[in-house]
C-alpha atoms as a PDB file:
ATOM      1  CA  MET A   1      41.561  95.762  75.895  1.00  0.00           C
ATOM      2  CA  GLU A   2      44.413  93.860  77.512  1.00  0.00           C
ATOM      3  CA  ILE A   3      44.330  90.110  76.935  1.00  0.00           C
ATOM      4  CA  ILE A   4      44.400  88.198  80.236  1.00  0.00           C
ATOM      5  CA  LEU A   5      43.779  84.679  78.928  1.00  0.00           C
ATOM      6  CA  TYR A   6      44.580  83.196  75.539  1.00  0.00           C
ATOM      7  CA  ALA A   7      43.981  79.655  74.310  1.00  0.00           C
ATOM      8  CA  GLU A   8      45.391  78.292  71.067  1.00  0.00           C
ATOM      9  CA  GLY A   9      44.669  75.023  69.272  1.00  0.00           C
ATOM     10  CA  LEU A  10      43.103  73.146  72.176  1.00  0.00           C
ATOM     11  CA  PHE A  11      42.342  69.471  71.641  1.00  0.00           C
ATOM     12  CA  LYS A  12      41.015  67.089  74.289  1.00  0.00           C
ATOM     13  CA  SER A  13      39.728  63.536  73.954  1.00  0.00           C
ATOM     14  CA  TYR A  14      38.464  60.898  76.362  1.00  0.00           C
ATOM     15  CA  ASN A  15      38.564  57.212  75.428  1.00  0.00           C
ATOM     16  CA  GLY A  16      38.986  58.089  71.773  1.00  0.00           C
ATOM     17  CA  ASN A  17      36.118  60.597  71.784  1.00  0.00           C
ATOM     18  CA  ASN A  18      37.223  64.066  70.628  1.00  0.00           C
ATOM     19  CA  VAL A  19      35.520  66.423  73.090  1.00  0.00           C
ATOM     20  CA  ILE A  20      37.392  69.645  72.244  1.00  0.00           C
ATOM     21  CA  LYS A  21      38.578  70.161  68.664  1.00  0.00           C
ATOM     22  CA  ASP A  22      41.075  72.894  67.790  1.00  0.00           C
ATOM     23  CA  ILE A  23      39.584  75.703  69.891  1.00  0.00           C
ATOM     24  CA  SER A  24      41.341  79.067  70.059  1.00  0.00           C
ATOM     25  CA  LEU A  25      40.022  82.129  71.879  1.00  0.00           C
ATOM     26  CA  SER A  26      41.143  85.173  73.812  1.00  0.00           C
ATOM     27  CA  VAL A  27      39.647  86.769  76.917  1.00  0.00           C
ATOM     28  CA  SER A  28      40.267  90.409  77.777  1.00  0.00           C
ATOM     29  CA  LYS A  29      40.494  91.823  81.276  1.00  0.00           C
ATOM     30  CA  GLY A  30      37.009  92.717  82.441  1.00  0.00           C
ATOM     31  CA  ASP A  31      35.228  90.342  80.079  1.00  0.00           C
ATOM     32  CA  PHE A  32      32.160  88.440  81.247  1.00  0.00           C
ATOM     33  CA  LEU A  33      32.202  85.462  78.900  1.00  0.00           C
ATOM     34  CA  SER A  34      29.441  82.846  78.789  1.00  0.00           C
ATOM     35  CA  ILE A  35      29.932  79.435  77.190  1.00  0.00           C
ATOM     36  CA  ILE A  36      26.680  77.828  76.078  1.00  0.00           C
ATOM     37  CA  GLY A  37      25.697  74.720  74.128  1.00  0.00           C
ATOM     38  CA  ASN A  38      23.795  71.469  74.329  1.00  0.00           C
ATOM     39  CA  SER A  39      24.672  68.713  76.765  1.00  0.00           C
ATOM     40  CA  GLY A  40      27.821  66.963  75.538  1.00  0.00           C
ATOM     41  CA  ALA A  41      29.030  69.963  73.533  1.00  0.00           C
ATOM     42  CA  GLY A  42      32.239  70.140  75.604  1.00  0.00           C
ATOM     43  CA  LYS A  43      31.397  73.227  77.676  1.00  0.00           C
ATOM     44  CA  SER A  44      32.701  72.038  81.028  1.00  0.00           C
ATOM     45  CA  THR A  45      35.759  70.413  79.469  1.00  0.00           C
ATOM     46  CA  LEU A  46      36.670  73.698  77.788  1.00  0.00           C
ATOM     47  CA  LEU A  47      36.194  75.546  81.084  1.00  0.00           C
ATOM     48  CA  TYR A  48      38.463  73.085  82.898  1.00  0.00           C
ATOM     49  CA  LEU A  49      41.122  73.500  80.202  1.00  0.00           C
ATOM     50  CA  LEU A  50      40.978  77.299  80.379  1.00  0.00           C
ATOM     51  CA  ALA A  51      41.243  77.161  84.169  1.00  0.00           C
ATOM     52  CA  GLY A  52      44.277  74.875  84.046  1.00  0.00           C
ATOM     53  CA  ILE A  53      42.458  72.086  85.891  1.00  0.00           C
ATOM     54  CA  GLU A  54      42.580  69.701  82.927  1.00  0.00           C
ATOM     55  CA  LYS A  55      45.523  69.378  80.534  1.00  0.00           C
ATOM     56  CA  PRO A  56      44.846  69.398  76.788  1.00  0.00           C
ATOM     57  CA  ASP A  57      46.144  66.675  74.514  1.00  0.00           C
ATOM     58  CA  ARG A  58      47.425  69.490  72.293  1.00  0.00           C
ATOM     59  CA  GLY A  59      47.396  73.257  72.461  1.00  0.00           C
ATOM     60  CA  LYS A  60      48.227  75.858  75.063  1.00  0.00           C
ATOM     61  CA  VAL A  61      46.608  78.256  77.507  1.00  0.00           C
ATOM     62  CA  LEU A  62      48.403  81.498  78.331  1.00  0.00           C
ATOM     63  CA  LEU A  63      47.468  83.276  81.553  1.00  0.00           C
ATOM     64  CA  GLU A  64      48.883  86.803  81.390  1.00  0.00           C
ATOM     65  CA  GLY A  65      51.350  85.506  78.818  1.00  0.00           C
ATOM     66  CA  LYS A  66      52.480  82.495  80.842  1.00  0.00           C
ATOM     67  CA  ASP A  67      51.871  79.068  79.283  1.00  0.00           C
ATOM     68  CA  LEU A  68      50.167  77.100  82.051  1.00  0.00           C
ATOM     69  CA  PHE A  69      50.985  73.715  80.622  1.00  0.00           C
ATOM     70  CA  SER A  70      54.685  74.415  80.307  1.00  0.00           C
ATOM     71  CA  LEU A  71      54.706  74.438  84.111  1.00  0.00           C
ATOM     72  CA  ASN A  72      54.729  71.445  86.428  1.00  0.00           C
ATOM     73  CA  ASP A  73      51.661  70.628  88.530  1.00  0.00           C
ATOM     74  CA  THR A  74      52.958  72.508  91.558  1.00  0.00           C
ATOM     75  CA  GLU A  75      53.696  75.619  89.513  1.00  0.00           C
ATOM     76  CA  ILE A  76      50.301  75.511  87.802  1.00  0.00           C
ATOM     77  CA  ALA A  77      48.584  75.191  91.186  1.00  0.00           C
ATOM     78  CA  ALA A  78      50.529  78.182  92.507  1.00  0.00           C
ATOM     79  CA  VAL A  79      49.612  80.367  89.527  1.00  0.00           C
ATOM     80  CA  ARG A  80      45.970  79.364  89.765  1.00  0.00           C
ATOM     81  CA  ALA A  81      45.887  80.028  93.500  1.00  0.00           C
ATOM     82  CA  LYS A  82      47.100  83.588  92.971  1.00  0.00           C
ATOM     83  CA  LYS A  83      45.237  84.502  89.798  1.00  0.00           C
ATOM     84  CA  THR A  84      42.051  82.441  89.477  1.00  0.00           C
ATOM     85  CA  SER A  85      39.221  80.786  91.376  1.00  0.00           C
ATOM     86  CA  PHE A  86      36.736  78.117  90.353  1.00  0.00           C
ATOM     87  CA  VAL A  87      33.121  77.620  91.442  1.00  0.00           C
ATOM     88  CA  PHE A  88      31.596  74.238  90.680  1.00  0.00           C
ATOM     89  CA  GLN A  89      27.917  73.571  89.996  1.00  0.00           C
ATOM     90  CA  PHE A  90      27.664  71.869  93.375  1.00  0.00           C
ATOM     91  CA  ASP A  91      29.209  73.975  96.090  1.00  0.00           C
ATOM     92  CA  ASN A  92      31.605  71.354  97.599  1.00  0.00           C
ATOM     93  CA  LEU A  93      31.468  73.040 100.988  1.00  0.00           C
ATOM     94  CA  PHE A  94      32.968  71.353 104.033  1.00  0.00           C
ATOM     95  CA  GLN A  95      29.997  70.144 106.041  1.00  0.00           C
ATOM     96  CA  ASP A  96      31.760  70.327 109.413  1.00  0.00           C
ATOM     97  CA  LEU A  97      32.730  73.992 108.954  1.00  0.00           C
ATOM     98  CA  THR A  98      30.545  77.054 109.354  1.00  0.00           C
ATOM     99  CA  VAL A  99      29.829  79.432 106.504  1.00  0.00           C
ATOM    100  CA  LEU A 100      32.510  81.815 107.795  1.00  0.00           C
ATOM    101  CA  GLU A 101      35.058  79.031 108.189  1.00  0.00           C
ATOM    102  CA  ASN A 102      34.355  77.717 104.677  1.00  0.00           C
ATOM    103  CA  VAL A 103      34.896  81.189 103.213  1.00  0.00           C
ATOM    104  CA  MET A 104      38.118  81.690 105.164  1.00  0.00           C
ATOM    105  CA  LEU A 105      39.672  78.329 104.285  1.00  0.00           C
ATOM    106  CA  PRO A 106      41.427  79.130 100.959  1.00  0.00           C
ATOM    107  CA  GLY A 107      42.926  82.281 102.466  1.00  0.00           C
ATOM    108  CA  ILE A 108      44.258  80.353 105.434  1.00  0.00           C
ATOM    109  CA  ILE A 109      45.745  77.703 103.146  1.00  0.00           C
ATOM    110  CA  SER A 110      47.472  80.467 101.164  1.00  0.00           C
ATOM    111  CA  GLY A 111      49.350  81.454 104.319  1.00  0.00           C
ATOM    112  CA  ARG A 112      47.913  84.926 104.813  1.00  0.00           C
ATOM    113  CA  LYS A 113      47.340  86.274 108.307  1.00  0.00           C
ATOM    114  CA  ARG A 114      44.236  84.836 109.938  1.00  0.00           C
ATOM    115  CA  LYS A 115      42.974  88.233 111.147  1.00  0.00           C
ATOM    116  CA  GLU A 116      43.221  89.677 107.643  1.00  0.00           C
ATOM    117  CA  ILE A 117      41.467  86.643 106.172  1.00  0.00           C
ATOM    118  CA  LYS A 118      38.663  86.824 108.728  1.00  0.00           C
ATOM    119  CA  ASN A 119      38.087  90.523 108.059  1.00  0.00           C
ATOM    120  CA  ASN A 120      37.978  89.918 104.303  1.00  0.00           C
ATOM    121  CA  ALA A 121      35.683  86.922 104.748  1.00  0.00           C
ATOM    122  CA  GLU A 122      33.255  88.950 106.823  1.00  0.00           C
ATOM    123  CA  LEU A 123      33.179  91.657 104.151  1.00  0.00           C
ATOM    124  CA  LEU A 124      32.522  89.069 101.447  1.00  0.00           C
ATOM    125  CA  ILE A 125      29.771  87.427 103.492  1.00  0.00           C
ATOM    126  CA  GLU A 126      28.129  90.808 103.889  1.00  0.00           C
ATOM    127  CA  TYR A 127      28.524  91.469 100.151  1.00  0.00           C
ATOM    128  CA  MET A 128      26.827  88.137  99.404  1.00  0.00           C
ATOM    129  CA  HIS A 129      23.986  88.959 101.855  1.00  0.00           C
ATOM    130  CA  ILE A 130      24.598  85.912 104.023  1.00  0.00           C
ATOM    131  CA  SER A 131      25.818  87.569 107.239  1.00  0.00           C
ATOM    132  CA  ARG A 132      22.902  86.172 109.259  1.00  0.00           C
ATOM    133  CA  ILE A 133      24.003  82.589 108.536  1.00  0.00           C
ATOM    134  CA  ARG A 134      27.737  83.058 109.034  1.00  0.00           C
ATOM    135  CA  ASP A 135      27.811  80.616 111.966  1.00  0.00           C
ATOM    136  CA  SER A 136      25.561  78.005 110.318  1.00  0.00           C
ATOM    137  CA  LYS A 137      26.711  74.731 108.782  1.00  0.00           C
ATOM    138  CA  PRO A 138      26.013  74.033 105.082  1.00  0.00           C
ATOM    139  CA  SER A 139      23.315  71.483 105.950  1.00  0.00           C
ATOM    140  CA  GLU A 140      21.417  74.219 107.810  1.00  0.00           C
ATOM    141  CA  ILE A 141      21.113  76.680 104.916  1.00  0.00           C
ATOM    142  CA  SER A 142      19.388  76.794 101.527  1.00  0.00           C
ATOM    143  CA  GLY A 143      20.918  75.815  98.192  1.00  0.00           C
ATOM    144  CA  GLY A 144      21.144  79.462  97.141  1.00  0.00           C
ATOM    145  CA  GLU A 145      22.895  80.373 100.379  1.00  0.00           C
ATOM    146  CA  GLN A 146      25.300  77.480  99.906  1.00  0.00           C
ATOM    147  CA  GLN A 147      26.166  78.719  96.406  1.00  0.00           C
ATOM    148  CA  ARG A 148      26.693  82.271  97.672  1.00  0.00           C
ATOM    149  CA  THR A 149      28.987  80.822 100.340  1.00  0.00           C
ATOM    150  CA  ALA A 150      30.937  78.998  97.622  1.00  0.00           C
ATOM    151  CA  LEU A 151      31.155  82.229  95.639  1.00  0.00           C
ATOM    152  CA  ALA A 152      32.443  84.147  98.670  1.00  0.00           C
ATOM    153  CA  ARG A 153      34.994  81.396  99.253  1.00  0.00           C
ATOM    154  CA  ALA A 154      36.158  81.697  95.640  1.00  0.00           C
ATOM    155  CA  MET A 155      36.627  85.453  96.032  1.00  0.00           C
ATOM    156  CA  ILE A 156      38.625  85.338  99.293  1.00  0.00           C
ATOM    157  CA  THR A 157      41.930  85.190  97.382  1.00  0.00           C
ATOM    158  CA  ASN A 158      41.017  88.221  95.222  1.00  0.00           C
ATOM    159  CA  PRO A 159      41.230  86.353  91.912  1.00  0.00           C
ATOM    160  CA  GLU A 160      41.582  88.167  88.614  1.00  0.00           C
ATOM    161  CA  ILE A 161      39.547  85.501  86.813  1.00  0.00           C
ATOM    162  CA  LEU A 162      36.535  83.664  88.198  1.00  0.00           C
ATOM    163  CA  PHE A 163      35.531  80.413  86.470  1.00  0.00           C
ATOM    164  CA  LEU A 164      32.029  79.046  87.077  1.00  0.00           C
ATOM    165  CA  ASP A 165      30.496  75.762  85.955  1.00  0.00           C
ATOM    166  CA  GLU A 166      26.686  76.105  85.852  1.00  0.00           C
ATOM    167  CA  PRO A 167      26.601  78.483  88.854  1.00  0.00           C
ATOM    168  CA  THR A 168      22.784  78.461  88.992  1.00  0.00           C
ATOM    169  CA  GLY A 169      22.171  74.977  87.594  1.00  0.00           C
ATOM    170  CA  SER A 170      20.867  73.517  90.863  1.00  0.00           C
ATOM    171  CA  LEU A 171      18.963  76.630  92.001  1.00  0.00           C
ATOM    172  CA  ASN A 172      15.439  77.943  91.511  1.00  0.00           C
ATOM    173  CA  SER A 173      14.956  81.109  89.463  1.00  0.00           C
ATOM    174  CA  GLU A 174      14.889  83.476  92.453  1.00  0.00           C
ATOM    175  CA  ALA A 175      18.098  82.110  93.974  1.00  0.00           C
ATOM    176  CA  GLY A 176      19.685  81.985  90.528  1.00  0.00           C
ATOM    177  CA  ASN A 177      18.884  85.632  89.877  1.00  0.00           C
ATOM    178  CA  ILE A 178      20.546  86.619  93.143  1.00  0.00           C
ATOM    179  CA  ILE A 179      23.725  84.791  92.105  1.00  0.00           C
ATOM    180  CA  MET A 180      23.705  86.412  88.659  1.00  0.00           C
ATOM    181  CA  ASP A 181      23.187  89.888  90.153  1.00  0.00           C
ATOM    182  CA  ILE A 182      26.214  89.334  92.388  1.00  0.00           C
ATOM    183  CA  LEU A 183      28.320  88.104  89.469  1.00  0.00           C
ATOM    184  CA  LYS A 184      27.344  91.094  87.348  1.00  0.00           C
ATOM    185  CA  ASN A 185      28.309  93.430  90.182  1.00  0.00           C
ATOM    186  CA  LEU A 186      31.642  91.669  90.702  1.00  0.00           C
ATOM    187  CA  ASN A 187      32.365  92.096  87.016  1.00  0.00           C
ATOM    188  CA  LYS A 188      31.257  95.723  86.672  1.00  0.00           C
ATOM    189  CA  GLU A 189      32.188  97.177  90.051  1.00  0.00           C
ATOM    190  CA  HIS A 190      35.234  95.112  90.970  1.00  0.00           C
ATOM    191  CA  LYS A 191      36.553  94.379  87.448  1.00  0.00           C
ATOM    192  CA  VAL A 192      36.690  90.623  87.986  1.00  0.00           C
ATOM    193  CA  THR A 193      36.983  88.760  84.686  1.00  0.00           C
ATOM    194  CA  ILE A 194      34.310  86.040  84.597  1.00  0.00           C
ATOM    195  CA  ILE A 195      34.057  82.927  82.458  1.00  0.00           C
ATOM    196  CA  GLN A 196      30.950  80.849  83.038  1.00  0.00           C
ATOM    197  CA  VAL A 197      29.372  77.748  81.565  1.00  0.00           C
ATOM    198  CA  THR A 198      25.589  77.927  81.579  1.00  0.00           C
ATOM    199  CA  HIS A 199      22.596  76.304  79.922  1.00  0.00           C
ATOM    200  CA  ASN A 200      20.466  79.389  80.699  1.00  0.00           C
ATOM    201  CA  ILE A 201      20.494  81.875  77.814  1.00  0.00           C
ATOM    202  CA  THR A 202      19.199  84.724  80.002  1.00  0.00           C
ATOM    203  CA  ASN A 203      22.054  84.171  82.435  1.00  0.00           C
ATOM    204  CA  ALA A 204      24.459  84.007  79.502  1.00  0.00           C
ATOM    205  CA  GLN A 205      23.265  87.406  78.344  1.00  0.00           C
ATOM    206  CA  ARG A 206      24.302  89.005  81.627  1.00  0.00           C
ATOM    207  CA  GLY A 207      27.815  89.265  80.244  1.00  0.00           C
ATOM    208  CA  ASN A 208      29.349  90.956  77.221  1.00  0.00           C
ATOM    209  CA  ARG A 209      30.281  87.845  75.203  1.00  0.00           C
ATOM    210  CA  ILE A 210      28.645  84.508  74.427  1.00  0.00           C
ATOM    211  CA  ILE A 211      30.350  81.522  72.824  1.00  0.00           C
ATOM    212  CA  LEU A 212      28.108  78.825  71.367  1.00  0.00           C
ATOM    213  CA  LEU A 213      29.840  75.464  71.504  1.00  0.00           C
ATOM    214  CA  LYS A 214      28.708  72.519  69.365  1.00  0.00           C
ATOM    215  CA  ASP A 215      30.406  69.144  69.095  1.00  0.00           C
ATOM    216  CA  GLY A 216      33.611  70.494  70.603  1.00  0.00           C
ATOM    217  CA  VAL A 217      34.040  73.508  68.342  1.00  0.00           C
ATOM    218  CA  ILE A 218      33.023  77.156  68.595  1.00  0.00           C
ATOM    219  CA  GLN A 219      30.083  77.444  66.243  1.00  0.00           C
ATOM    220  CA  GLU A 220      29.403  81.132  66.854  1.00  0.00           C
ATOM    221  CA  GLU A 221      30.433  84.037  69.068  1.00  0.00           C
ATOM    222  CA  LEU A 222      28.000  86.758  70.038  1.00  0.00           C
ATOM    223  CA  THR A 223      28.365  90.108  71.769  1.00  0.00           C
ATOM    224  CA  THR A 224      25.630  91.292  74.091  1.00  0.00           C
ATOM    225  CA  GLU A 225      25.121  94.382  76.194  1.00  0.00           C
ATOM    226  CA  LEU A 226      22.276  93.941  78.640  1.00  0.00           C
ATOM    227  CA  ASP A 227      21.521  96.179  81.609  1.00  0.00           C
ATOM    228  CA  ILE A 228      22.808  95.080  84.992  1.00  0.00           C
ATOM    229  CA  ASN A 229      19.237  94.726  86.268  1.00  0.00           C
ATOM    230  CA  THR A 230      18.161  92.255  83.563  1.00  0.00           C
ATOM    231  CA  LYS A 231      16.119  89.464  85.109  1.00  0.00           C
ATOM    232  CA  ASN A 232      14.846  86.084  84.021  1.00  0.00           C
END
């Protein structure tokens, strides 16, 4: 399999506390990688480093062979805008915009034609099963619908890699299962490479790889092959 993302010798500390300690890993195109571990293990920090949001103290991250941290901030942002998207645990939707407008926003910022962006946004909203709330504001919809809106927004730029930080962490099991079904379909049907942080082992097993992080190091890597219809 072709390597799309490669990290080598990552170190990251905060206030003298070593959070990430000499982590190296590779991600192939089409992987669905889950990062698990106890609170404080460094899961989210590692995700932010891999996504190019945080800079390591040492080490490098290559996205399709390009060292992200050899670029300036503007260049990193441009690469990330074209190649990756990030979904946070809390959706960070704009409260004054409708669902449709929230989904369209990154595409508009990228400079693409508004008509094209709107058409793509409508298709994504339908794919996420939130068409009936397209004109609603975030405060008027459920937490699961908000997260599906955030996921649609992340996909509007057609990213090759989707990073997710606890995508179901604030949701009940039913809403969480809907999100995980959508992610599995994006990975299998649309070949989107997914890297997620999760505390839920069942959600972690939706993918093909699991990394167990402990005290800032990879303690173990597992391979799993579960059916697409696996449920909690």
